[in-house]
Protein backbone atom coordinates (compact mmCIF):
# COMPACT_ATOMS: atom_id res chain seq x y z
CA MET A 1 -52.34 23.01 -47.04
CA PRO A 2 -49.59 22.26 -44.14
CA ALA A 3 -50.70 20.13 -41.29
CA ILE A 4 -52.03 22.56 -38.29
CA PRO A 5 -50.10 21.72 -34.85
CA SER A 6 -52.55 20.54 -32.07
CA ASP A 7 -54.62 23.31 -30.06
CA LEU A 8 -52.03 22.80 -27.09
CA GLU A 9 -49.01 23.19 -29.31
CA ILE A 10 -50.56 26.40 -30.87
CA ALA A 11 -51.27 27.70 -27.30
CA GLN A 12 -47.55 26.97 -25.62
CA SER A 13 -46.21 28.68 -28.63
CA ALA A 14 -48.36 31.83 -28.24
CA GLN A 15 -46.64 35.30 -27.75
CA LEU A 16 -48.61 36.22 -24.69
CA ILE A 17 -48.20 39.87 -23.47
CA HIS A 18 -48.44 41.20 -20.04
CA ILE A 19 -51.88 41.25 -18.41
CA ASN A 20 -51.70 44.98 -17.61
CA ARG A 21 -50.99 45.58 -21.10
CA ILE A 22 -54.51 43.68 -21.89
CA ALA A 23 -56.20 45.99 -19.13
CA GLU A 24 -54.73 49.17 -20.97
CA GLN A 25 -56.43 48.41 -23.88
CA MET A 26 -59.68 48.56 -22.18
CA GLY A 27 -58.93 51.42 -20.49
CA LEU A 28 -58.37 50.25 -16.74
CA ASP A 29 -55.53 50.85 -14.52
CA PRO A 30 -53.62 47.85 -13.62
CA GLU A 31 -52.28 49.35 -10.31
CA THR A 32 -55.99 49.84 -9.00
CA ASP A 33 -58.48 47.83 -11.02
CA LEU A 34 -56.77 44.81 -11.25
CA GLU A 35 -56.09 41.50 -8.93
CA HIS A 36 -53.14 39.71 -10.31
CA TYR A 37 -52.96 35.88 -10.69
CA GLY A 38 -49.38 35.88 -12.22
CA LYS A 39 -48.24 37.62 -15.46
CA TYR A 40 -51.23 36.56 -17.68
CA MET A 41 -54.53 36.59 -15.44
CA ALA A 42 -56.27 38.91 -13.17
CA LYS A 43 -59.71 39.54 -11.62
CA ILE A 44 -61.11 42.66 -12.65
CA ASP A 45 -62.54 44.83 -9.18
CA LEU A 46 -66.15 45.28 -9.59
CA ALA A 47 -65.50 49.11 -8.37
CA VAL A 48 -64.87 49.53 -12.16
CA LEU A 49 -68.38 49.37 -12.72
CA ASP A 50 -68.99 52.89 -11.18
CA LYS A 51 -65.68 54.32 -12.58
CA LEU A 52 -66.67 53.54 -15.94
CA LYS A 53 -70.43 54.19 -15.80
CA ASN A 54 -70.27 57.61 -17.98
CA ARG A 55 -68.34 55.51 -20.65
CA PRO A 56 -71.01 54.67 -23.88
CA ASP A 57 -72.07 50.82 -24.02
CA ALA A 58 -70.59 48.87 -26.57
CA ARG A 59 -72.45 46.98 -29.54
CA TYR A 60 -73.54 43.59 -28.10
CA VAL A 61 -73.30 40.68 -30.38
CA ASP A 62 -74.15 37.07 -29.29
CA VAL A 63 -72.74 34.08 -30.79
CA THR A 64 -75.40 31.24 -31.04
CA ALA A 65 -75.44 28.19 -33.43
CA ILE A 66 -77.77 25.72 -35.41
CA THR A 67 -78.94 22.53 -33.28
CA PRO A 68 -75.71 21.06 -32.48
CA THR A 69 -74.67 17.41 -33.25
CA PRO A 70 -72.54 15.67 -30.04
CA LEU A 71 -69.22 16.93 -31.80
CA GLY A 72 -70.24 20.62 -31.39
CA GLU A 73 -70.41 23.07 -34.13
CA GLY A 74 -67.50 25.66 -33.12
CA LYS A 75 -69.25 28.41 -31.30
CA SER A 76 -66.24 28.91 -28.94
CA THR A 77 -63.71 29.06 -31.69
CA THR A 78 -65.94 31.26 -33.90
CA THR A 79 -66.31 33.56 -30.56
CA VAL A 80 -62.65 33.84 -30.04
CA GLY A 81 -62.17 34.03 -33.75
CA LEU A 82 -64.70 37.05 -34.43
CA GLY A 83 -63.27 38.72 -31.24
CA GLN A 84 -59.73 38.90 -32.73
CA ALA A 85 -61.05 39.86 -36.25
CA PHE A 86 -62.23 43.19 -35.16
CA LYS A 87 -58.60 44.37 -34.59
CA HIS A 88 -58.12 43.33 -38.27
CA ILE A 89 -60.86 45.71 -39.16
CA GLY A 90 -59.49 48.44 -37.04
CA LYS A 91 -62.23 48.44 -34.26
CA ARG A 92 -61.82 47.15 -30.65
CA ALA A 93 -63.58 44.28 -29.25
CA ILE A 94 -63.66 42.21 -25.83
CA VAL A 95 -64.52 38.52 -25.74
CA THR A 96 -66.73 37.21 -22.84
CA MET A 97 -66.93 33.39 -22.12
CA ARG A 98 -67.73 30.85 -19.85
CA GLN A 99 -65.07 28.93 -17.58
CA PRO A 100 -64.94 25.29 -18.62
CA SER A 101 -65.82 22.57 -16.09
CA GLN A 102 -63.32 20.07 -15.40
CA GLY A 103 -65.98 17.41 -16.30
CA PRO A 104 -65.78 17.96 -20.11
CA THR A 105 -62.11 18.63 -19.94
CA PHE A 106 -61.23 15.31 -18.58
CA GLY A 107 -64.16 13.34 -20.07
CA ILE A 108 -64.78 13.63 -23.94
CA LYS A 109 -66.03 16.77 -24.91
CA GLY A 110 -62.86 18.50 -24.50
CA GLY A 111 -61.96 21.97 -23.76
CA ALA A 112 -63.87 25.74 -24.03
CA ALA A 113 -61.03 27.53 -25.13
CA GLY A 114 -61.66 27.57 -28.77
CA GLY A 115 -59.22 25.87 -31.01
CA GLY A 116 -56.89 26.14 -33.82
CA TYR A 117 -55.54 29.83 -34.00
CA SER A 118 -58.76 31.23 -32.42
CA GLN A 119 -58.03 30.37 -28.65
CA ILE A 120 -58.00 32.02 -25.38
CA VAL A 121 -54.44 31.59 -23.40
CA PRO A 122 -53.39 30.59 -21.53
CA MET A 123 -55.15 27.48 -22.36
CA GLU A 124 -54.04 25.20 -19.73
CA ASN A 125 -55.30 27.73 -17.29
CA PHE A 126 -58.29 28.21 -18.78
CA ASN A 127 -59.46 24.53 -19.13
CA LEU A 128 -58.68 23.84 -15.85
CA HIS A 129 -58.05 25.67 -12.14
CA LEU A 130 -58.11 29.10 -13.71
CA THR A 131 -58.64 31.59 -10.68
CA GLY A 132 -60.59 28.80 -8.63
CA ASP A 133 -63.99 30.20 -9.18
CA ILE A 134 -65.76 26.83 -9.49
CA HIS A 135 -63.67 25.36 -6.81
CA ALA A 136 -65.29 28.27 -4.56
CA ILE A 137 -68.56 27.24 -5.40
CA THR A 138 -68.37 23.74 -4.62
CA ALA A 139 -67.17 25.00 -1.45
CA ALA A 140 -70.16 27.21 -0.86
CA HIS A 141 -72.59 24.47 -2.15
CA ASN A 142 -71.43 21.69 -0.11
CA LEU A 143 -71.22 23.89 2.98
CA ILE A 144 -74.90 24.45 2.86
CA ALA A 145 -75.24 20.51 2.27
CA ALA A 146 -73.10 20.01 5.29
CA MET A 147 -75.29 22.30 7.37
CA ILE A 148 -78.43 20.74 5.94
CA ASP A 149 -77.33 17.38 7.37
CA ASN A 150 -75.92 18.75 10.48
CA HIS A 151 -79.29 20.53 11.00
CA LEU A 152 -81.11 17.15 10.92
CA HIS A 153 -78.60 15.61 13.42
CA GLN A 154 -78.92 18.54 15.83
CA GLY A 155 -82.80 17.91 16.46
CA ASN A 156 -84.18 19.39 13.04
CA ALA A 157 -85.87 22.60 14.28
CA LEU A 158 -86.98 23.83 11.13
CA ASN A 159 -89.20 20.22 10.76
CA LEU A 160 -87.26 19.17 7.40
CA ASP A 161 -88.76 16.39 5.39
CA PRO A 162 -86.06 14.32 4.98
CA HIS A 163 -87.42 13.39 1.77
CA ARG A 164 -88.00 16.19 0.36
CA ILE A 165 -84.44 17.85 0.68
CA VAL A 166 -83.67 19.20 -2.90
CA TRP A 167 -79.97 20.34 -2.06
CA ARG A 168 -77.50 17.56 -3.42
CA ARG A 169 -73.88 17.82 -3.34
CA VAL A 170 -71.60 18.76 -5.92
CA MET A 171 -67.88 18.22 -7.58
CA ASP A 172 -66.52 19.45 -10.46
CA LEU A 173 -65.58 16.04 -12.34
CA ASN A 174 -67.58 13.48 -14.27
CA ASP A 175 -68.55 10.70 -11.80
CA ARG A 176 -71.57 8.54 -12.47
CA ALA A 177 -71.18 6.38 -9.21
CA LEU A 178 -71.94 9.48 -7.00
CA ARG A 179 -75.35 10.28 -8.95
CA ASN A 180 -77.00 8.49 -6.14
CA VAL A 181 -75.85 7.58 -2.70
CA ILE A 182 -76.90 7.06 0.89
CA ILE A 183 -75.25 9.25 3.59
CA GLY A 184 -75.01 9.11 7.31
CA LEU A 185 -74.50 5.28 7.59
CA GLY A 186 -72.45 3.90 10.48
CA GLU A 187 -72.84 5.37 14.16
CA LYS A 188 -75.28 7.56 15.65
CA GLU A 189 -73.02 10.37 15.54
CA ASP A 190 -72.17 9.89 11.94
CA GLY A 191 -75.57 11.52 10.87
CA VAL A 192 -79.34 10.93 9.68
CA PRO A 193 -79.07 8.16 6.82
CA ARG A 194 -80.83 9.33 3.64
CA GLN A 195 -80.69 8.81 0.19
CA THR A 196 -79.24 11.82 -1.91
CA GLY A 197 -76.44 12.42 -4.49
CA PHE A 198 -74.17 14.25 -6.52
CA ASP A 199 -74.33 17.00 -9.45
CA ILE A 200 -71.64 18.29 -11.03
CA THR A 201 -70.55 22.01 -9.88
CA VAL A 202 -71.57 23.72 -13.14
CA ALA A 203 -75.03 22.47 -12.45
CA SER A 204 -75.41 24.14 -9.07
CA GLU A 205 -77.84 26.77 -8.47
CA ILE A 206 -75.05 29.21 -7.02
CA MET A 207 -73.30 29.03 -10.23
CA ALA A 208 -76.61 29.95 -12.17
CA ILE A 209 -76.83 32.87 -9.62
CA LEU A 210 -73.20 33.90 -9.82
CA ALA A 211 -73.84 34.20 -13.82
CA LEU A 212 -76.71 36.43 -13.21
CA THR A 213 -76.13 38.63 -10.11
CA LYS A 214 -75.20 42.35 -10.52
CA SER A 215 -73.49 43.23 -6.96
CA LEU A 216 -71.93 41.61 -4.08
CA LYS A 217 -75.21 42.63 -2.20
CA ASP A 218 -77.59 41.16 -4.97
CA LEU A 219 -75.37 37.78 -4.63
CA ARG A 220 -76.20 37.63 -0.79
CA GLU A 221 -79.95 38.36 -1.23
CA ARG A 222 -79.99 35.63 -4.10
CA ILE A 223 -78.28 32.95 -2.01
CA GLY A 224 -80.38 33.68 0.99
CA ARG A 225 -83.56 33.03 -1.22
CA MET A 226 -82.50 29.55 -2.46
CA VAL A 227 -84.99 27.06 -1.62
CA ILE A 228 -82.99 24.09 -0.15
CA ALA A 229 -85.52 21.52 1.37
CA TYR A 230 -89.32 21.70 1.94
CA ASP A 231 -90.88 21.05 5.56
CA LYS A 232 -93.17 18.63 6.61
CA ASP A 233 -95.87 21.02 5.84
CA LYS A 234 -94.97 21.45 2.23
CA LYS A 235 -93.36 24.85 2.87
CA PRO A 236 -90.20 25.95 1.33
CA VAL A 237 -87.03 26.20 3.60
CA THR A 238 -84.24 28.44 2.48
CA ALA A 239 -80.59 28.95 2.96
CA ASP A 240 -81.58 31.94 5.11
CA ASP A 241 -83.86 29.86 7.19
CA LEU A 242 -80.90 27.78 7.58
CA LYS A 243 -78.29 30.72 8.36
CA ALA A 244 -76.13 29.29 6.30
CA ALA A 245 -76.55 32.30 3.19
CA GLY A 246 -73.94 34.43 4.71
CA ALA A 247 -70.97 31.87 5.21
CA ALA A 248 -71.61 30.81 1.51
CA THR A 249 -71.56 34.30 0.00
CA VAL A 250 -68.40 35.13 2.19
CA LEU A 251 -66.76 32.21 -0.02
CA LEU A 252 -67.82 33.66 -3.08
CA ARG A 253 -66.44 37.08 -2.92
CA ASP A 254 -63.51 36.43 -5.17
CA ALA A 255 -65.32 34.27 -7.28
CA LEU A 256 -67.96 37.25 -8.03
CA LYS A 257 -65.00 39.09 -10.03
CA PRO A 258 -64.58 38.30 -13.58
CA THR A 259 -61.33 36.73 -14.82
CA LEU A 260 -59.35 38.87 -17.37
CA MET A 261 -57.39 36.81 -20.02
CA GLN A 262 -56.17 37.42 -23.40
CA THR A 263 -56.57 35.60 -27.16
CA LEU A 264 -54.02 34.34 -29.26
CA GLU A 265 -54.05 37.72 -31.05
CA ASN A 266 -54.07 39.53 -27.55
CA THR A 267 -57.79 40.71 -27.78
CA PRO A 268 -59.06 41.12 -24.21
CA ALA A 269 -61.27 38.15 -22.83
CA LEU A 270 -63.25 38.25 -19.58
CA ILE A 271 -63.79 34.59 -18.21
CA HIS A 272 -66.67 34.25 -15.80
CA CYS A 273 -69.30 31.25 -14.79
CA GLY A 274 -70.37 28.17 -16.51
CA PRO A 275 -74.06 27.27 -16.08
CA PHE A 276 -75.07 24.27 -17.87
CA ALA A 277 -77.46 25.47 -21.09
CA ASN A 278 -79.74 22.30 -20.83
CA ILE A 279 -80.90 22.67 -17.16
CA ALA A 280 -79.75 26.59 -16.35
CA HIS A 281 -78.89 29.57 -18.64
CA GLY A 282 -75.77 28.55 -20.07
CA ASN A 283 -74.29 32.08 -20.33
CA SER A 284 -71.32 33.60 -18.72
CA SER A 285 -71.83 36.50 -16.39
CA VAL A 286 -73.96 39.50 -16.59
CA LEU A 287 -71.15 41.20 -14.76
CA ALA A 288 -68.20 40.46 -17.37
CA ASP A 289 -70.92 41.35 -20.05
CA MET A 290 -71.55 45.05 -17.99
CA ILE A 291 -67.82 45.65 -18.00
CA ALA A 292 -66.72 44.84 -21.29
CA SER A 293 -69.49 46.87 -22.51
CA LYS A 294 -67.60 50.04 -21.31
CA CYS A 295 -64.29 49.12 -22.21
CA ALA A 296 -64.72 48.43 -26.32
CA ASP A 297 -66.80 48.78 -29.31
CA TYR A 298 -67.99 45.64 -29.57
CA VAL A 299 -68.35 42.94 -26.77
CA ILE A 300 -69.00 39.31 -28.23
CA THR A 301 -70.30 36.86 -26.10
CA GLU A 302 -71.38 32.94 -26.32
CA SER A 303 -74.36 31.30 -25.29
CA GLY A 304 -74.96 27.60 -24.77
CA PHE A 305 -75.70 24.78 -27.30
CA GLY A 306 -78.11 25.62 -30.01
CA ALA A 307 -80.31 29.24 -30.41
CA ASP A 308 -83.56 27.51 -29.08
CA ILE A 309 -81.67 26.90 -25.78
CA GLY A 310 -78.71 29.09 -25.19
CA ALA A 311 -79.80 32.10 -27.29
CA GLU A 312 -83.49 31.91 -26.04
CA LYS A 313 -82.25 31.85 -22.27
CA PHE A 314 -79.70 34.74 -23.36
CA PHE A 315 -82.60 37.23 -24.68
CA ASN A 316 -85.41 36.48 -22.23
CA ILE A 317 -83.25 35.97 -19.07
CA LYS A 318 -79.66 37.32 -19.08
CA CYS A 319 -80.79 40.22 -21.12
CA ARG A 320 -83.84 41.23 -18.67
CA VAL A 321 -81.39 40.90 -15.72
CA SER A 322 -78.61 43.11 -17.23
CA GLY A 323 -80.34 45.76 -19.01
CA LEU A 324 -78.10 45.50 -22.23
CA ARG A 325 -79.78 45.24 -25.69
CA PRO A 326 -78.14 42.98 -28.18
CA ASN A 327 -77.45 44.62 -31.52
CA ALA A 328 -76.88 41.63 -33.52
CA ALA A 329 -76.48 37.56 -33.20
CA VAL A 330 -74.14 35.42 -35.39
CA LEU A 331 -75.56 31.63 -35.87
CA VAL A 332 -72.87 29.46 -36.38
CA VAL A 333 -73.16 26.54 -38.87
CA THR A 334 -71.48 23.51 -40.16
CA ILE A 335 -72.29 21.47 -43.20
CA ARG A 336 -71.77 18.16 -41.51
CA ALA A 337 -74.57 19.43 -38.75
CA LEU A 338 -76.80 20.49 -41.63
CA LYS A 339 -76.23 17.14 -43.38
CA ALA A 340 -76.86 15.28 -39.78
CA HIS A 341 -80.23 17.44 -39.82
CA THR A 342 -81.87 15.05 -42.70
CA GLY A 343 -81.90 12.41 -40.01
CA LYS A 344 -80.00 10.17 -42.13
CA TYR A 345 -76.67 9.88 -40.20
CA LYS A 346 -75.75 9.22 -36.89
CA ILE A 347 -73.03 10.98 -35.29
CA THR A 348 -71.03 9.52 -32.11
CA PRO A 349 -68.17 11.06 -30.25
CA GLY A 350 -64.94 9.22 -30.74
CA LYS A 351 -66.19 6.78 -33.86
CA PRO A 352 -65.38 7.72 -37.54
CA LEU A 353 -67.91 10.03 -39.38
CA ASP A 354 -70.09 8.44 -42.03
CA SER A 355 -68.24 9.20 -45.23
CA ALA A 356 -71.41 10.91 -46.71
CA LEU A 357 -71.05 13.84 -44.06
CA THR A 358 -67.72 14.83 -45.53
CA SER A 359 -68.32 14.05 -49.21
CA GLU A 360 -70.18 16.64 -51.67
CA ASN A 361 -74.16 16.25 -51.44
CA VAL A 362 -75.85 19.85 -52.17
CA ALA A 363 -79.48 17.97 -51.42
CA ASP A 364 -78.54 17.18 -47.99
CA CYS A 365 -77.29 20.56 -47.36
CA GLU A 366 -80.72 22.05 -48.63
CA ALA A 367 -82.79 19.46 -47.00
CA GLY A 368 -80.95 19.87 -43.52
CA ALA A 369 -80.97 23.95 -43.92
CA ALA A 370 -84.53 23.81 -42.62
CA ASN A 371 -82.98 23.77 -39.22
CA MET A 372 -80.81 26.97 -39.54
CA VAL A 373 -83.74 28.72 -41.29
CA ARG A 374 -86.12 27.93 -38.26
CA HIS A 375 -83.05 29.33 -35.79
CA LEU A 376 -83.13 32.53 -38.10
CA GLU A 377 -86.79 32.85 -37.84
CA ASN A 378 -86.85 32.60 -34.24
CA MET A 379 -83.91 35.26 -33.97
CA ARG A 380 -86.15 37.62 -35.82
CA LYS A 381 -88.85 37.17 -33.32
CA PHE A 382 -86.51 38.98 -30.81
CA GLY A 383 -86.12 41.91 -33.14
CA VAL A 384 -82.32 40.85 -33.35
CA ASN A 385 -80.44 41.09 -36.59
CA PRO A 386 -78.71 37.73 -37.33
CA VAL A 387 -75.72 36.68 -39.25
CA VAL A 388 -74.61 33.12 -40.64
CA ALA A 389 -71.07 32.41 -40.11
CA ILE A 390 -70.37 28.64 -41.82
CA ASN A 391 -67.47 27.16 -40.05
CA ALA A 392 -65.37 26.02 -42.49
CA PHE A 393 -63.96 22.58 -42.73
CA THR A 394 -61.56 21.36 -45.58
CA THR A 395 -64.04 18.82 -46.78
CA ASP A 396 -67.03 21.46 -47.57
CA SER A 397 -66.97 22.24 -51.02
CA PRO A 398 -68.07 25.46 -52.60
CA LYS A 399 -71.57 24.49 -53.81
CA GLU A 400 -72.48 23.42 -50.47
CA MET A 401 -71.69 26.66 -49.22
CA GLU A 402 -73.33 28.25 -51.92
CA ALA A 403 -76.60 26.43 -51.23
CA ILE A 404 -76.35 27.22 -47.52
CA ARG A 405 -75.87 31.21 -48.24
CA GLU A 406 -78.92 31.02 -50.66
CA ALA A 407 -80.96 29.87 -47.93
CA ALA A 408 -79.73 31.84 -45.22
CA LEU A 409 -80.29 35.04 -47.14
CA ALA A 410 -83.63 33.82 -47.85
CA ALA A 411 -84.47 33.32 -44.30
CA GLY A 412 -83.63 36.74 -43.54
CA ALA A 413 -79.81 36.85 -42.48
CA VAL A 414 -78.34 39.96 -42.96
CA GLY A 415 -75.15 38.67 -44.43
CA VAL A 416 -73.21 34.89 -44.63
CA SER A 417 -69.45 34.47 -44.29
CA VAL A 418 -67.05 31.60 -44.84
CA ALA A 419 -65.24 31.69 -41.65
CA ARG A 420 -61.75 29.99 -41.62
CA HIS A 421 -60.83 31.59 -38.03
CA TRP A 422 -59.65 28.05 -37.10
CA ALA A 423 -56.85 27.86 -39.52
CA GLU A 424 -56.28 31.61 -40.06
CA GLY A 425 -56.91 33.19 -36.73
CA GLY A 426 -58.55 36.63 -36.65
CA LYS A 427 -57.92 37.52 -40.41
CA GLY A 428 -59.82 34.39 -41.61
CA ALA A 429 -63.13 36.09 -39.74
CA ALA A 430 -62.73 39.64 -40.92
CA GLU A 431 -65.36 39.43 -43.58
CA LEU A 432 -67.84 37.91 -40.95
CA ALA A 433 -66.43 41.18 -38.52
CA GLU A 434 -67.59 43.41 -41.45
CA MET A 435 -70.88 41.89 -41.81
CA VAL A 436 -71.49 42.07 -38.07
CA VAL A 437 -70.96 45.79 -38.05
CA THR A 438 -73.65 46.02 -40.84
CA ALA A 439 -75.81 43.98 -38.38
CA CYS A 440 -75.20 46.19 -35.57
CA GLU A 441 -75.84 49.43 -37.64
CA GLN A 442 -79.36 47.99 -38.96
CA PRO A 443 -82.41 49.07 -37.13
CA ASN A 444 -82.70 47.11 -34.09
CA ASP A 445 -86.30 45.95 -32.17
CA PHE A 446 -84.99 43.98 -29.44
CA ARG A 447 -87.69 42.72 -27.23
CA LEU A 448 -88.65 39.84 -25.01
CA LEU A 449 -90.52 36.95 -25.95
CA TYR A 450 -92.93 37.08 -22.77
CA PRO A 451 -93.85 39.39 -19.79
CA LEU A 452 -93.04 38.26 -16.45
CA GLU A 453 -96.90 38.87 -15.55
CA TRP A 454 -98.00 35.83 -17.51
CA SER A 455 -98.69 32.66 -15.83
CA ILE A 456 -96.25 30.01 -15.72
CA ARG A 457 -98.18 28.01 -18.02
CA GLN A 458 -98.65 30.79 -20.43
CA LYS A 459 -94.74 31.15 -20.42
CA ILE A 460 -93.93 27.78 -20.83
CA GLU A 461 -96.37 27.47 -24.00
CA THR A 462 -95.18 30.54 -25.47
CA ILE A 463 -91.42 29.05 -25.85
CA ALA A 464 -92.85 25.66 -26.64
CA THR A 465 -95.04 26.70 -29.83
CA GLU A 466 -92.90 29.94 -30.89
CA ILE A 467 -89.82 28.69 -30.26
CA TYR A 468 -89.86 24.70 -30.63
CA ARG A 469 -93.07 25.01 -32.76
CA ALA A 470 -94.57 22.17 -30.56
CA ASP A 471 -98.43 21.85 -31.20
CA GLY A 472 -98.89 22.07 -27.39
CA VAL A 473 -97.74 21.25 -24.08
CA ASP A 474 -98.43 18.07 -21.87
CA TYR A 475 -98.09 18.37 -18.26
CA THR A 476 -97.56 15.32 -16.08
CA PRO A 477 -99.94 15.50 -12.65
CA GLU A 478 -97.01 16.10 -10.61
CA ALA A 479 -95.75 18.90 -13.07
CA ALA A 480 -99.46 20.57 -12.84
CA LYS A 481 -99.30 20.20 -8.73
CA GLN A 482 -95.74 21.80 -8.74
CA ILE A 483 -96.75 25.01 -11.00
CA ASP A 484 -99.87 25.46 -8.69
CA LEU A 485 -97.78 25.36 -5.75
CA PHE A 486 -94.86 27.71 -7.15
CA GLU A 487 -97.71 30.01 -8.07
CA LYS A 488 -99.29 29.77 -4.64
CA ASN A 489 -95.91 30.61 -2.80
CA GLY A 490 -95.44 33.40 -4.73
CA TYR A 491 -92.87 32.36 -7.59
CA GLY A 492 -95.38 32.89 -10.90
CA ASN A 493 -93.62 35.83 -11.91
CA LEU A 494 -90.24 34.39 -12.73
CA PRO A 495 -89.14 33.77 -16.27
CA ILE A 496 -88.89 30.28 -17.69
CA CYS A 497 -85.29 28.19 -17.99
CA MET A 498 -86.66 25.45 -20.00
CA ALA A 499 -84.61 22.29 -19.38
CA LYS A 500 -84.49 20.36 -22.54
CA THR A 501 -82.25 18.36 -25.03
CA HIS A 502 -79.79 20.34 -26.85
CA LEU A 503 -79.84 17.82 -29.70
CA SER A 504 -83.52 18.74 -31.02
CA PHE A 505 -85.76 21.60 -31.16
CA SER A 506 -88.23 18.55 -29.44
CA ALA A 507 -87.91 16.78 -26.37
CA ASP A 508 -86.80 13.51 -28.15
CA PRO A 509 -82.86 14.17 -29.47
CA ALA A 510 -83.47 11.64 -32.29
CA LEU A 511 -86.11 13.85 -33.98
CA LYS A 512 -83.57 16.27 -36.37
CA GLY A 513 -83.94 19.22 -38.53
CA ALA A 514 -87.08 21.45 -38.12
CA PRO A 515 -89.60 19.07 -36.82
CA THR A 516 -93.33 19.79 -36.56
CA GLY A 517 -96.39 17.76 -35.34
CA PHE A 518 -94.98 17.30 -31.97
CA ARG A 519 -96.05 18.02 -28.25
CA LEU A 520 -93.57 19.07 -25.48
CA PRO A 521 -93.76 16.78 -22.33
CA ILE A 522 -93.25 18.46 -19.14
CA ARG A 523 -92.53 15.70 -16.61
CA GLU A 524 -91.46 18.06 -13.64
CA VAL A 525 -91.00 21.56 -12.71
CA ARG A 526 -88.61 23.06 -10.27
CA ALA A 527 -87.96 26.50 -8.85
CA SER A 528 -84.58 28.03 -8.61
CA VAL A 529 -85.60 31.17 -6.55
CA GLY A 530 -82.15 32.51 -5.84
CA ALA A 531 -80.89 32.51 -9.83
CA GLY A 532 -84.54 33.63 -10.08
CA TYR A 533 -86.34 31.33 -12.55
CA ILE A 534 -88.55 28.10 -13.11
CA TYR A 535 -87.11 25.51 -15.00
CA PRO A 536 -89.56 22.74 -16.33
CA LEU A 537 -87.85 19.39 -17.50
CA CYS A 538 -88.80 17.88 -20.59
CA GLY A 539 -87.14 14.66 -19.95
CA GLU A 540 -84.34 13.07 -18.31
CA MET A 541 -81.71 15.49 -17.51
CA ARG A 542 -77.94 14.31 -16.54
CA THR A 543 -76.72 16.69 -14.00
CA MET A 544 -73.84 14.32 -13.23
CA PRO A 545 -72.25 13.25 -16.47
CA GLY A 546 -70.25 9.73 -16.75
CA LEU A 547 -67.09 9.22 -17.96
CA PRO A 548 -66.34 7.47 -21.50
CA SER A 549 -64.75 4.02 -22.32
CA HIS A 550 -61.34 6.23 -22.44
CA PRO A 551 -61.70 9.51 -21.10
CA ALA A 552 -59.49 12.37 -22.26
CA ALA A 553 -57.85 12.24 -18.80
CA GLU A 554 -55.77 9.22 -20.10
CA ALA A 555 -53.85 11.34 -22.55
CA VAL A 556 -53.18 14.11 -20.18
CA ASP A 557 -49.73 14.56 -18.65
CA LEU A 558 -46.41 16.13 -18.09
CA ASP A 559 -43.29 16.02 -19.96
CA GLU A 560 -39.83 15.96 -18.70
CA ASP A 561 -39.73 20.02 -18.62
CA GLY A 562 -42.78 19.89 -16.61
CA ARG A 563 -45.25 21.23 -19.33
CA VAL A 564 -48.82 20.10 -19.63
CA VAL A 565 -49.14 17.38 -22.75
CA GLY A 566 -52.33 15.73 -24.19
CA LEU A 567 -54.64 18.26 -23.30
CA PHE A 568 -56.48 18.63 -26.83
């Protein structure tokens, strides 16, 4: 097999078509429905939602994965490849995906445009500034932070407790030096000294709100409800109380609109928002999916990390807000990850893989498949028909793939496809697309895991026992007090967004496979009132990553012709 060029080389040799032609595939009018950002990107005017309201909804498919290794299992690439594949079987599809943060782009993980011959293009724009949405969120978030500290300096009429200000600052880069900082040092006119810190922008509650809102009016109301601090009587103080919500919303008017792009095979792709999947819901926007659902036969979206995190939040939070009902889910599997779920191997980004992970070992595949089986069982609990996509590597053997196929079908998968979209593009996922069509046509009984009327503890414990298979939940005294306070303040009827490691069903990233006999620790509980959920923390959650010893940024540059080089 000839060597496949780098992702960037493939993307830069792509035959892009004008964004107007992509819009026309969706039945949109380029003159009235688009706001152009050059020839290959455009924002979609939200007025199309009313214009298209009488069109039927597309079939709705979520792409998720088994519990991933630190290398990821190729969800984004599978999402794009599957979207491209529908054209090969005579059907129209639209891909909806998150915008990547520059933190991973310049750090170690890489981009989120897909890979090989299944990518969103222009890839450089996708992985860098795109249309500026993340920067708008940074500006809106930091405007509120500046107004908080100005309020303290100007006399503190709201009686804010400087030790209970929960609104930090953000930036869209990995910078561990800013995790904890002291501000206000210097002269009296330089502000009130206090300890605070920075999060990465995609961890901002504003990002989570943007991904869940359904209109400009709803956006303004949600931002106004955000709790930014507590006063000295321990009562919540909101962005509306600070009179900062209006200005913050103004900065987000354009960011509210999804960005239209295309795949390497000219399939429409809507790119919008990028919330973290461990501390937030980790899905692209409700608005993008609502628009896409009126413009194609199938909408292929992606939820972050494994199905215990991203897909659970997709079902219980995103679908609850949007009202869209998923018809099927694709569970992405890699042979190397299933072997790792035996607990025998350690995978470290930047270091060579253990040779056993790339050598035939059917027994390890069968043992590690317990992780896949549990995810399939969980999808069935939501009444969604699952299809397994084995994201193929050249080192995978036919016997290993057959073992996975047998285990998946026995666990209730509608179909199992060996997907080769990375090397072959859409045609390499045509079989997978046919299986997704079959899954969508089967009876579907989508249901949520819990009603909002349950107490916060009931909802937490249902996720812990039903999805993670924990024996129970242990709350620290502080977490128990926080739950009681949230219910007293009227936040008890919000859904739950668990903040947990993505590397295990449990809260211990070293516990692989399908663990049992553990309890889930809840050390702290926070409320994202604007986004509309409670998020319990099951361990230490990094909201500002650091750079590795050799960050990806070292390789990024421009050549003599001004073309980007070194970007994946």
